[in-house]
Amino acid sequence: MKSKILLLLVFLIGYNTIESQRVRSEIIQVKKRNSAFIPLPLEAKTFSSNNVYLQIHGLERVNSDADLRIVGKMFPAYRHSEWAIGSNVYLTRTRSEDILFSQPVELTITDRDGQILYYRVFNYFKFTRDSETSPNVYMESDMFAYNGISEHLSYMFSPLYEPEFRTRLHYIHRSDDHDDLNHAYNIAMEAVEKYNDGNTEPALKLFYEAIDIWQNALKEADLNNRRSRINRNIAEGVYRNLMQVLSITGRFEEAGQIIEESKEAMGVMFNLRIARHEYNKQRMELMAKGKDERFTNFFHFELDPDQKPLLSGGHQFLPSGIPAISNYIVGSWRYYAVTPDGLPHSAEDFDALNHTANLPDETVELLHLLPDGSKINQEGSWERSERYRLDDPMPFWRVFNGPDGHPYLIFAYEQEEFDDIAGNMRHLDLHRIFHVCDERLVLMSPNFNPNSDVSGNFIHLQRVGLVTDL
């Protein structure tokens, strides 16, 4: 009997010791001053917009005589019967529970003289499983869509934007065996206060000291032993502290390595709990790029550096019918490659951020396609300069089935030319639509280079999205 009582006491003492070493946390908020990606030709302090949800943080909203005028327009959603998202292609006959809608939004920013500073057509793609509801119910609300666009614009245009990143720092409650970790927590909390007050250098020294302590602690982690000093529960707190503080201090590569290491070590449930940490890292990294001299052109932000040209033998996707194709290609697109004499067989050495090397000199950078096929006049845009040869006036456009049975994207500067497309085909600017998905568009242009094989010039475009959609 005495031996059983002794064993029970030993168990309770051990259990209480483990339970007393609970990982606790405190909420922190870190302020970071934005560095605008796009230097405006004027010092903007005020803005006005046509929607209460559409704004630029850090600038003052006024009703008239604003430095910047923001106008947003939402178009009706379109229901797609088949879809291609990125490199994955599914048809509704194999995934009938998934229904895809697309929702275009037109955005224009002008200065006080009416000159266009920024213009984009964003096309949101959204899934639902409710087949009984009409498309318009699944339009993005103006609050949701414009809040996302507003954050995007604030990063781009507002040097006064100072977002707050909310997270937690972890410590060990009621433990005499984790003085090092609690010391790291205390100096990191002190560093946050200094950082938010603008005392960056002293704050960074404290952050670096805390990082060293946490990294050394992980070296002795034993995730499968509850009694170890750095067990699974405590290691989780250390990992989360590291990924946050490494991001705050701008050590993004190390933060990414810690995130991947911790995901592999800690398992699925942990991966779900660090979504906020990954979000904060991505936003802070985006802000750091705005201060990096290497990112001097805005296409460094709008182009996905991992995007490759469509390869010969790669999966080609075209939805069925002119309305479906037309709604898929709505949006703003960046030219990033022209491959003469056919599709490339390999793209291992292709660098999307060096895309100007893959384009002829006369290629415009952007193509804007509104849902109604209307003309877009952008002469005088700030983007048309030696650095950015962008935003020439965009003509009217239509998608048309050619006599060879293939769909064509056709442009005309007079709308009447579409009255007899078949009769005017020799005079129209036309491009065969070879592939389209939510990320990229591939056109085959018989008029692009008359000195080469007319069947082999492929123009690769990447859809422009919000730079904050990482």
Protein backbone atom coordinates (compact mmCIF):
# COMPACT_ATOMS: atom_id res chain seq x y z
CA MET A 1 0.00 0.00 0.00
CA LYS A 2 2.81 2.38 0.95
CA SER A 3 4.59 1.66 -2.34
CA LYS A 4 1.42 2.53 -4.31
CA ILE A 5 1.03 5.79 -2.40
CA LEU A 6 4.69 6.59 -3.03
CA LEU A 7 4.30 5.92 -6.75
CA LEU A 8 1.20 8.12 -6.83
CA LEU A 9 3.07 10.95 -5.10
CA VAL A 10 5.98 10.65 -7.53
CA PHE A 11 3.55 10.75 -10.45
CA LEU A 12 1.71 13.80 -9.09
CA ILE A 13 4.95 15.64 -8.40
CA GLY A 14 6.18 14.95 -11.93
CA TYR A 15 2.81 15.86 -13.44
CA ASN A 16 2.60 19.09 -11.47
CA THR A 17 6.16 19.97 -12.45
CA ILE A 18 5.31 19.54 -16.12
CA GLU A 19 1.98 21.34 -15.82
CA SER A 20 3.52 24.21 -13.86
CA GLN A 21 5.88 24.86 -16.76
CA ARG A 22 3.11 26.12 -18.97
CA VAL A 23 3.94 28.19 -22.02
CA ARG A 24 2.20 31.53 -21.72
CA SER A 25 2.17 34.47 -24.11
CA GLU A 26 1.53 38.18 -24.29
CA ILE A 27 0.12 40.10 -27.25
CA ILE A 28 2.48 42.58 -28.87
CA GLN A 29 1.97 45.09 -31.67
CA VAL A 30 4.89 46.10 -33.84
CA LYS A 31 4.70 49.28 -35.91
CA LYS A 32 6.53 49.56 -39.22
CA ARG A 33 6.74 52.64 -41.44
CA ASN A 34 5.96 51.92 -45.05
CA SER A 35 8.19 52.89 -47.97
CA ALA A 36 5.97 53.54 -50.99
CA PHE A 37 6.72 51.28 -53.95
CA ILE A 38 5.74 53.94 -56.47
CA PRO A 39 7.23 57.43 -56.06
CA LEU A 40 4.50 59.89 -56.99
CA PRO A 41 5.27 62.99 -59.07
CA LEU A 42 3.75 65.05 -56.27
CA GLU A 43 3.67 64.97 -52.49
CA ALA A 44 0.24 63.49 -51.86
CA LYS A 45 -1.40 64.18 -48.51
CA THR A 46 -5.10 63.84 -49.32
CA PHE A 47 -7.37 61.58 -51.35
CA SER A 48 -11.00 61.20 -52.34
CA SER A 49 -12.83 58.11 -53.61
CA ASN A 50 -16.20 57.00 -54.90
CA ASN A 51 -16.61 54.37 -52.16
CA VAL A 52 -16.28 54.64 -48.39
CA TYR A 53 -14.24 51.42 -48.29
CA LEU A 54 -11.78 52.57 -50.95
CA GLN A 55 -8.91 54.53 -49.39
CA ILE A 56 -5.15 55.00 -48.97
CA HIS A 57 -4.08 54.62 -45.37
CA GLY A 58 -1.92 57.43 -44.05
CA LEU A 59 -3.51 60.03 -46.34
CA GLU A 60 -6.43 62.22 -45.30
CA ARG A 61 -9.82 61.67 -46.94
CA VAL A 62 -11.40 64.87 -48.29
CA ASN A 63 -14.52 65.51 -50.34
CA SER A 64 -12.96 67.81 -52.93
CA ASP A 65 -9.67 69.23 -54.19
CA ALA A 66 -7.81 66.02 -53.31
CA ASP A 67 -4.25 65.23 -54.34
CA LEU A 68 -5.38 61.76 -55.48
CA ARG A 69 -8.75 60.61 -56.78
CA ILE A 70 -9.58 56.87 -56.55
CA VAL A 71 -12.42 55.40 -58.60
CA GLY A 72 -13.46 51.76 -58.37
CA LYS A 73 -16.06 49.96 -60.49
CA MET A 74 -17.30 46.43 -59.88
CA PHE A 75 -18.68 44.35 -62.74
CA PRO A 76 -21.14 41.42 -62.51
CA ALA A 77 -19.72 38.01 -61.72
CA TYR A 78 -19.52 35.24 -64.33
CA ARG A 79 -20.12 31.56 -63.62
CA HIS A 80 -17.62 29.24 -65.33
CA SER A 81 -18.60 25.71 -66.31
CA GLU A 82 -14.97 24.55 -66.49
CA TRP A 83 -11.86 25.95 -64.95
CA ALA A 84 -8.10 26.09 -64.79
CA ILE A 85 -6.38 27.46 -61.71
CA GLY A 86 -2.60 27.77 -61.96
CA SER A 87 -1.05 24.54 -63.11
CA ASN A 88 -4.11 22.52 -61.99
CA VAL A 89 -6.85 21.90 -64.51
CA TYR A 90 -10.16 20.39 -63.47
CA LEU A 91 -13.43 20.14 -65.35
CA THR A 92 -16.78 20.23 -63.62
CA ARG A 93 -17.53 16.71 -64.79
CA THR A 94 -14.81 15.50 -62.40
CA ARG A 95 -15.31 18.10 -59.66
CA SER A 96 -19.02 18.89 -59.92
CA GLU A 97 -19.21 20.24 -56.35
CA ASP A 98 -16.86 23.12 -57.18
CA ILE A 99 -18.31 26.08 -59.07
CA LEU A 100 -16.02 28.89 -60.18
CA PHE A 101 -17.06 32.52 -60.44
CA SER A 102 -14.94 35.43 -61.65
CA GLN A 103 -15.50 39.02 -60.54
CA PRO A 104 -13.77 41.94 -62.33
CA VAL A 105 -12.98 45.25 -60.61
CA GLU A 106 -11.70 48.31 -62.49
CA LEU A 107 -9.47 50.71 -60.54
CA THR A 108 -8.26 54.16 -61.60
CA ILE A 109 -6.13 56.68 -59.68
CA THR A 110 -5.72 60.20 -61.03
CA ASP A 111 -3.96 63.30 -59.72
CA ARG A 112 -5.69 66.64 -59.08
CA ASP A 113 -5.27 67.53 -62.80
CA GLY A 114 -7.00 64.35 -63.92
CA GLN A 115 -3.85 62.62 -65.20
CA ILE A 116 -3.90 58.88 -64.73
CA LEU A 117 -1.33 57.68 -62.20
CA TYR A 118 -2.39 54.05 -61.95
CA TYR A 119 -4.88 51.83 -63.75
CA ARG A 120 -5.61 48.13 -63.35
CA VAL A 121 -8.38 45.63 -63.98
CA PHE A 122 -8.37 42.97 -61.27
CA ASN A 123 -10.29 39.73 -61.86
CA TYR A 124 -11.07 37.77 -58.69
CA PHE A 125 -11.69 34.02 -58.95
CA LYS A 126 -13.84 32.44 -56.24
CA PHE A 127 -15.22 28.94 -55.64
CA THR A 128 -18.54 27.87 -54.17
CA ARG A 129 -20.38 24.57 -53.86
CA ASP A 130 -23.91 26.02 -53.98
CA SER A 131 -25.14 25.43 -57.51
CA GLU A 132 -28.61 26.88 -56.84
CA THR A 133 -27.51 30.48 -56.27
CA SER A 134 -27.27 33.09 -59.00
CA PRO A 135 -23.83 34.46 -59.89
CA ASN A 136 -24.49 37.96 -58.59
CA VAL A 137 -24.92 36.67 -55.05
CA TYR A 138 -21.33 35.50 -55.25
CA MET A 139 -19.92 38.84 -56.29
CA GLU A 140 -17.29 40.06 -53.87
CA SER A 141 -18.87 42.68 -51.62
CA ASP A 142 -17.49 46.17 -52.13
CA MET A 143 -16.34 46.15 -48.51
CA PHE A 144 -14.30 42.97 -48.93
CA ALA A 145 -12.89 43.77 -52.37
CA TYR A 146 -12.11 47.42 -51.68
CA ASN A 147 -10.54 46.75 -48.28
CA GLY A 148 -8.07 44.44 -49.99
CA ILE A 149 -7.43 46.98 -52.74
CA SER A 150 -6.99 49.75 -50.14
CA GLU A 151 -4.23 47.83 -48.38
CA HIS A 152 -2.62 47.22 -51.76
CA LEU A 153 -2.75 50.94 -52.62
CA SER A 154 -1.41 51.95 -49.22
CA TYR A 155 1.72 49.85 -49.65
CA MET A 156 2.16 51.25 -53.16
CA PHE A 157 1.54 54.96 -52.70
CA SER A 158 1.63 55.98 -49.02
CA PRO A 159 4.95 56.73 -47.31
CA LEU A 160 2.79 57.70 -44.29
CA TYR A 161 1.25 54.23 -43.96
CA GLU A 162 2.30 52.64 -40.67
CA PRO A 163 0.67 49.22 -40.34
CA GLU A 164 0.67 47.45 -36.98
CA PHE A 165 1.56 43.78 -36.89
CA ARG A 166 -0.20 41.97 -34.06
CA THR A 167 1.36 38.79 -32.68
CA ARG A 168 2.46 37.11 -29.43
CA LEU A 169 5.71 36.45 -27.60
CA HIS A 170 5.93 33.33 -25.45
CA TYR A 171 7.50 32.67 -22.03
CA ILE A 172 7.55 29.82 -19.50
CA HIS A 173 5.31 30.30 -16.47
CA ARG A 174 6.43 29.12 -12.99
CA SER A 175 9.73 27.55 -13.95
CA ASP A 176 13.18 27.77 -12.37
CA ASP A 177 14.70 25.82 -15.24
CA HIS A 178 14.00 28.26 -18.07
CA ASP A 179 15.59 31.48 -16.89
CA ASP A 180 17.34 31.84 -20.25
CA LEU A 181 14.09 31.68 -22.22
CA ASN A 182 12.32 34.08 -19.90
CA HIS A 183 15.27 36.46 -20.08
CA ALA A 184 15.00 36.33 -23.88
CA TYR A 185 11.28 37.05 -23.60
CA ASN A 186 11.87 40.04 -21.29
CA ILE A 187 14.50 41.67 -23.50
CA ALA A 188 12.38 41.02 -26.61
CA MET A 189 9.45 42.82 -24.93
CA GLU A 190 11.77 45.70 -24.11
CA ALA A 191 12.97 45.68 -27.73
CA VAL A 192 9.40 45.93 -29.03
CA GLU A 193 8.82 49.05 -26.93
CA LYS A 194 12.03 50.67 -28.18
CA TYR A 195 11.29 49.66 -31.77
CA ASN A 196 7.84 51.24 -31.69
CA ASP A 197 9.33 54.43 -30.22
CA GLY A 198 11.75 54.70 -33.14
CA ASN A 199 14.87 53.59 -31.22
CA THR A 200 15.73 51.04 -33.90
CA GLU A 201 19.41 50.31 -33.20
CA PRO A 202 19.04 49.58 -29.44
CA ALA A 203 15.94 47.51 -30.24
CA LEU A 204 17.77 45.41 -32.83
CA LYS A 205 20.62 44.63 -30.40
CA LEU A 206 18.09 43.31 -27.88
CA PHE A 207 16.23 41.34 -30.55
CA TYR A 208 19.49 39.73 -31.73
CA GLU A 209 20.37 38.72 -28.15
CA ALA A 210 16.95 37.09 -27.73
CA ILE A 211 17.29 35.29 -31.08
CA ASP A 212 20.64 33.78 -30.03
CA ILE A 213 19.12 32.44 -26.79
CA TRP A 214 16.14 30.87 -28.56
CA GLN A 215 18.31 29.31 -31.25
CA ASN A 216 20.62 27.74 -28.64
CA ALA A 217 17.61 26.38 -26.75
CA LEU A 218 16.32 24.56 -29.83
CA LYS A 219 19.61 22.68 -30.07
CA GLU A 220 18.67 20.68 -26.97
CA ALA A 221 15.02 20.14 -27.92
CA ASP A 222 13.61 16.64 -27.36
CA LEU A 223 10.10 16.75 -28.77
CA ASN A 224 9.19 13.20 -27.76
CA ASN A 225 10.16 13.55 -24.09
CA ARG A 226 7.67 15.50 -21.98
CA ARG A 227 10.20 15.74 -19.15
CA SER A 228 12.94 17.29 -21.25
CA ARG A 229 13.76 20.94 -20.59
CA ILE A 230 12.87 21.86 -24.17
CA ASN A 231 9.94 19.55 -24.79
CA ARG A 232 7.39 19.82 -27.62
CA ASN A 233 5.24 22.39 -25.83
CA ILE A 234 8.15 24.68 -25.01
CA ALA A 235 9.77 24.21 -28.43
CA GLU A 236 6.57 25.42 -30.06
CA GLY A 237 6.77 28.70 -28.14
CA VAL A 238 10.44 29.10 -29.05
CA TYR A 239 9.77 28.43 -32.73
CA ARG A 240 6.95 30.98 -32.79
CA ASN A 241 9.09 33.61 -31.07
CA LEU A 242 11.91 33.05 -33.55
CA MET A 243 9.86 33.26 -36.72
CA GLN A 244 8.27 36.51 -35.54
CA VAL A 245 11.38 38.29 -34.26
CA LEU A 246 13.48 37.20 -37.25
CA SER A 247 10.83 38.79 -39.48
CA ILE A 248 10.70 41.99 -37.43
CA THR A 249 14.47 42.37 -37.76
CA GLY A 250 14.40 41.76 -41.52
CA ARG A 251 16.09 38.35 -41.45
CA PHE A 252 13.46 36.87 -43.75
CA GLU A 253 15.48 33.99 -45.17
CA GLU A 254 16.19 32.71 -41.66
CA ALA A 255 12.55 33.23 -40.70
CA GLY A 256 11.49 31.14 -43.70
CA GLN A 257 13.93 28.40 -42.73
CA ILE A 258 12.56 28.34 -39.16
CA ILE A 259 9.00 28.16 -40.47
CA GLU A 260 9.81 25.18 -42.69
CA GLU A 261 11.89 23.46 -40.00
CA SER A 262 9.14 23.88 -37.41
CA LYS A 263 6.43 22.63 -39.76
CA GLU A 264 8.38 19.44 -40.36
CA ALA A 265 9.18 18.96 -36.67
CA MET A 266 5.87 19.93 -35.06
CA GLY A 267 3.22 18.47 -37.36
CA VAL A 268 -0.11 19.42 -38.90
CA MET A 269 -1.85 21.15 -35.97
CA PHE A 270 1.13 23.42 -35.41
CA ASN A 271 1.11 24.35 -39.10
CA LEU A 272 -2.47 25.61 -38.72
CA ARG A 273 -1.56 27.74 -35.69
CA ILE A 274 1.21 29.72 -37.39
CA ALA A 275 -0.83 31.20 -40.25
CA ARG A 276 -0.70 34.63 -38.64
CA HIS A 277 3.10 34.39 -38.30
CA GLU A 278 3.47 33.55 -41.99
CA TYR A 279 1.14 36.41 -42.92
CA ASN A 280 3.18 38.89 -40.86
CA LYS A 281 6.43 37.66 -42.41
CA GLN A 282 5.08 38.09 -45.93
CA ARG A 283 3.84 41.62 -45.26
CA MET A 284 7.09 42.71 -43.59
CA GLU A 285 9.10 41.22 -46.44
CA LEU A 286 6.95 43.09 -48.93
CA MET A 287 7.62 46.37 -47.10
CA ALA A 288 11.35 45.65 -47.07
CA LYS A 289 11.33 45.26 -50.86
CA GLY A 290 9.96 48.77 -51.13
CA LYS A 291 13.18 50.03 -49.50
CA ASP A 292 15.48 47.78 -51.50
CA GLU A 293 17.29 49.56 -54.36
CA ARG A 294 17.26 46.34 -56.38
CA PHE A 295 13.48 46.65 -56.74
CA THR A 296 13.44 49.90 -58.67
CA ASN A 297 10.73 48.97 -61.17
CA PHE A 298 7.18 48.16 -60.23
CA PHE A 299 7.14 45.01 -62.36
CA HIS A 300 9.45 43.49 -59.73
CA PHE A 301 6.39 43.41 -57.50
CA GLU A 302 3.71 42.57 -60.05
CA LEU A 303 5.51 39.71 -61.79
CA ASP A 304 5.69 36.35 -60.06
CA PRO A 305 9.40 35.43 -60.26
CA ASP A 306 8.49 31.73 -60.33
CA GLN A 307 6.33 32.06 -63.42
CA LYS A 308 7.69 30.25 -66.50
CA PRO A 309 6.63 30.31 -70.15
CA LEU A 310 4.26 27.60 -71.31
CA LEU A 311 6.40 24.73 -72.56
CA SER A 312 6.01 22.63 -75.65
CA GLY A 313 3.90 19.65 -74.66
CA GLY A 314 2.65 21.46 -71.56
CA HIS A 315 -0.99 21.41 -70.58
CA GLN A 316 -2.96 23.76 -72.80
CA PHE A 317 -6.33 24.97 -71.49
CA LEU A 318 -9.12 26.80 -73.27
CA PRO A 319 -12.66 26.89 -71.86
CA SER A 320 -15.49 26.07 -74.22
CA GLY A 321 -17.31 28.92 -75.92
CA ILE A 322 -16.62 32.58 -76.63
CA PRO A 323 -18.34 33.94 -73.45
CA ALA A 324 -16.27 31.69 -71.18
CA ILE A 325 -12.99 32.59 -72.92
CA SER A 326 -13.87 36.29 -72.88
CA ASN A 327 -14.53 36.25 -69.14
CA TYR A 328 -11.36 34.32 -68.42
CA ILE A 329 -9.10 36.82 -70.18
CA VAL A 330 -10.64 39.90 -68.53
CA GLY A 331 -8.03 41.70 -66.42
CA SER A 332 -4.67 43.44 -66.60
CA TRP A 333 -1.77 41.42 -68.01
CA ARG A 334 1.99 41.91 -68.11
CA TYR A 335 4.00 40.73 -71.10
CA TYR A 336 6.95 38.72 -69.85
CA ALA A 337 8.13 36.60 -72.77
CA VAL A 338 7.88 36.20 -76.54
CA THR A 339 9.15 32.88 -77.84
CA PRO A 340 9.60 32.81 -81.63
CA ASP A 341 9.39 29.67 -83.71
CA GLY A 342 7.21 27.77 -81.24
CA LEU A 343 6.86 27.11 -77.55
CA PRO A 344 10.11 26.55 -75.64
CA HIS A 345 11.11 23.01 -74.67
CA SER A 346 12.75 24.12 -71.41
CA ALA A 347 12.53 27.13 -69.10
CA GLU A 348 15.17 26.23 -66.53
CA ASP A 349 17.20 29.39 -67.17
CA PHE A 350 14.23 31.71 -67.62
CA ASP A 351 14.05 34.65 -65.19
CA ALA A 352 10.67 36.43 -65.14
CA LEU A 353 12.14 39.51 -63.43
CA ASN A 354 14.50 39.93 -66.37
CA HIS A 355 11.56 39.81 -68.72
CA THR A 356 12.59 42.82 -70.80
CA ALA A 357 15.40 40.67 -72.18
CA ASN A 358 12.74 38.32 -73.51
CA LEU A 359 10.67 41.02 -75.23
CA PRO A 360 11.25 42.99 -78.44
CA ASP A 361 11.85 46.71 -77.94
CA GLU A 362 8.45 47.76 -79.24
CA THR A 363 6.43 45.50 -76.94
CA VAL A 364 4.18 47.38 -74.52
CA GLU A 365 4.38 46.21 -70.93
CA LEU A 366 0.70 46.02 -70.03
CA LEU A 367 -2.51 44.85 -71.63
CA HIS A 368 -5.83 45.90 -70.03
CA LEU A 369 -9.05 44.07 -70.95
CA LEU A 370 -12.32 45.38 -69.51
CA PRO A 371 -15.35 43.03 -69.31
CA ASP A 372 -17.39 45.15 -71.73
CA GLY A 373 -14.60 45.22 -74.33
CA SER A 374 -14.47 49.01 -74.22
CA LYS A 375 -11.56 51.27 -75.08
CA ILE A 376 -9.23 52.54 -72.33
CA ASN A 377 -7.55 55.90 -72.84
CA GLN A 378 -4.38 56.21 -70.78
CA GLU A 379 -2.22 58.66 -72.66
CA GLY A 380 -0.16 60.70 -70.23
CA SER A 381 0.04 58.01 -67.57
CA TRP A 382 3.06 58.37 -65.29
CA GLU A 383 4.04 54.83 -66.28
CA ARG A 384 4.91 55.92 -69.83
CA SER A 385 8.53 56.97 -69.36
CA GLU A 386 12.02 55.75 -70.13
CA ARG A 387 11.75 53.30 -67.27
CA TYR A 388 8.17 52.20 -67.90
CA ARG A 389 6.95 51.98 -71.47
CA LEU A 390 3.42 51.25 -70.37
CA ASP A 391 -0.21 52.12 -70.72
CA ASP A 392 -0.66 53.22 -74.28
CA PRO A 393 -4.35 53.69 -75.12
CA MET A 394 -5.99 50.26 -75.12
CA PRO A 395 -8.34 49.68 -78.08
CA PHE A 396 -11.71 47.96 -78.13
CA TRP A 397 -11.46 44.18 -78.04
CA ARG A 398 -13.53 41.09 -78.78
CA VAL A 399 -13.06 37.32 -78.83
CA PHE A 400 -14.07 35.79 -82.15
CA ASN A 401 -14.03 32.29 -83.64
CA GLY A 402 -11.85 32.50 -86.73
CA PRO A 403 -12.47 30.64 -89.99
CA ASP A 404 -9.96 28.01 -88.84
CA GLY A 405 -12.14 27.27 -85.78
CA HIS A 406 -9.71 28.78 -83.27
CA PRO A 407 -10.62 31.66 -80.91
CA TYR A 408 -8.93 35.01 -81.60
CA LEU A 409 -8.41 38.11 -79.48
CA ILE A 410 -9.12 41.02 -81.83
CA PHE A 411 -8.39 44.74 -81.32
CA ALA A 412 -9.82 47.77 -83.11
CA TYR A 413 -9.70 51.51 -82.45
CA GLU A 414 -13.14 51.98 -84.02
CA GLN A 415 -15.99 49.91 -82.64
CA GLU A 416 -17.69 49.77 -86.06
CA GLU A 417 -14.90 47.52 -87.32
CA PHE A 418 -16.44 44.68 -85.28
CA ASP A 419 -19.64 44.87 -87.34
CA ASP A 420 -18.03 42.65 -89.99
CA ILE A 421 -15.16 40.85 -88.28
CA ALA A 422 -14.86 38.15 -90.93
CA GLY A 423 -14.63 40.75 -93.69
CA ASN A 424 -12.15 42.92 -91.77
CA MET A 425 -9.85 40.19 -90.47
CA ARG A 426 -7.00 41.22 -92.78
CA HIS A 427 -7.06 44.74 -91.34
CA LEU A 428 -7.62 43.95 -87.65
CA ASP A 429 -4.94 43.38 -85.04
CA LEU A 430 -5.61 39.78 -84.06
CA HIS A 431 -3.96 37.10 -81.95
CA ARG A 432 -4.99 33.48 -81.60
CA ILE A 433 -5.77 32.58 -77.97
CA PHE A 434 -3.69 29.51 -77.31
CA HIS A 435 -3.99 29.10 -73.50
CA VAL A 436 -5.60 30.93 -70.58
CA CYS A 437 -5.95 30.30 -66.84
CA ASP A 438 -6.17 32.44 -63.72
CA GLU A 439 -2.42 33.15 -63.85
CA ARG A 440 -1.33 33.44 -67.46
CA LEU A 441 -2.41 33.99 -71.03
CA VAL A 442 -0.59 32.71 -74.12
CA LEU A 443 -1.31 34.26 -77.50
CA MET A 444 -0.07 33.14 -80.90
CA SER A 445 0.37 36.17 -83.10
CA PRO A 446 0.61 35.88 -86.90
CA ASN A 447 1.23 39.65 -87.16
CA PHE A 448 3.92 39.93 -84.52
CA ASN A 449 6.98 39.27 -86.65
CA PRO A 450 6.27 39.04 -90.38
CA ASN A 451 9.86 37.96 -91.07
CA SER A 452 9.52 34.70 -89.15
CA ASP A 453 7.29 31.67 -89.24
CA VAL A 454 3.84 33.13 -88.66
CA SER A 455 2.66 30.01 -86.85
CA GLY A 456 5.36 30.04 -84.21
CA ASN A 457 5.42 33.35 -82.31
CA PHE A 458 3.97 32.89 -78.85
CA ILE A 459 3.34 35.84 -76.52
CA HIS A 460 3.29 34.96 -72.82
CA LEU A 461 1.45 37.24 -70.39
CA GLN A 462 1.06 37.02 -66.62
CA ARG A 463 -2.10 38.23 -64.89
CA VAL A 464 -1.62 41.29 -62.70
CA GLY A 465 -2.99 40.82 -59.21
CA LEU A 466 -2.68 42.72 -55.96
CA VAL A 467 0.93 42.77 -54.83
CA THR A 468 -0.37 42.01 -51.33
CA ASP A 469 -1.87 38.70 -52.51
CA LEU A 470 1.24 36.70 -51.71
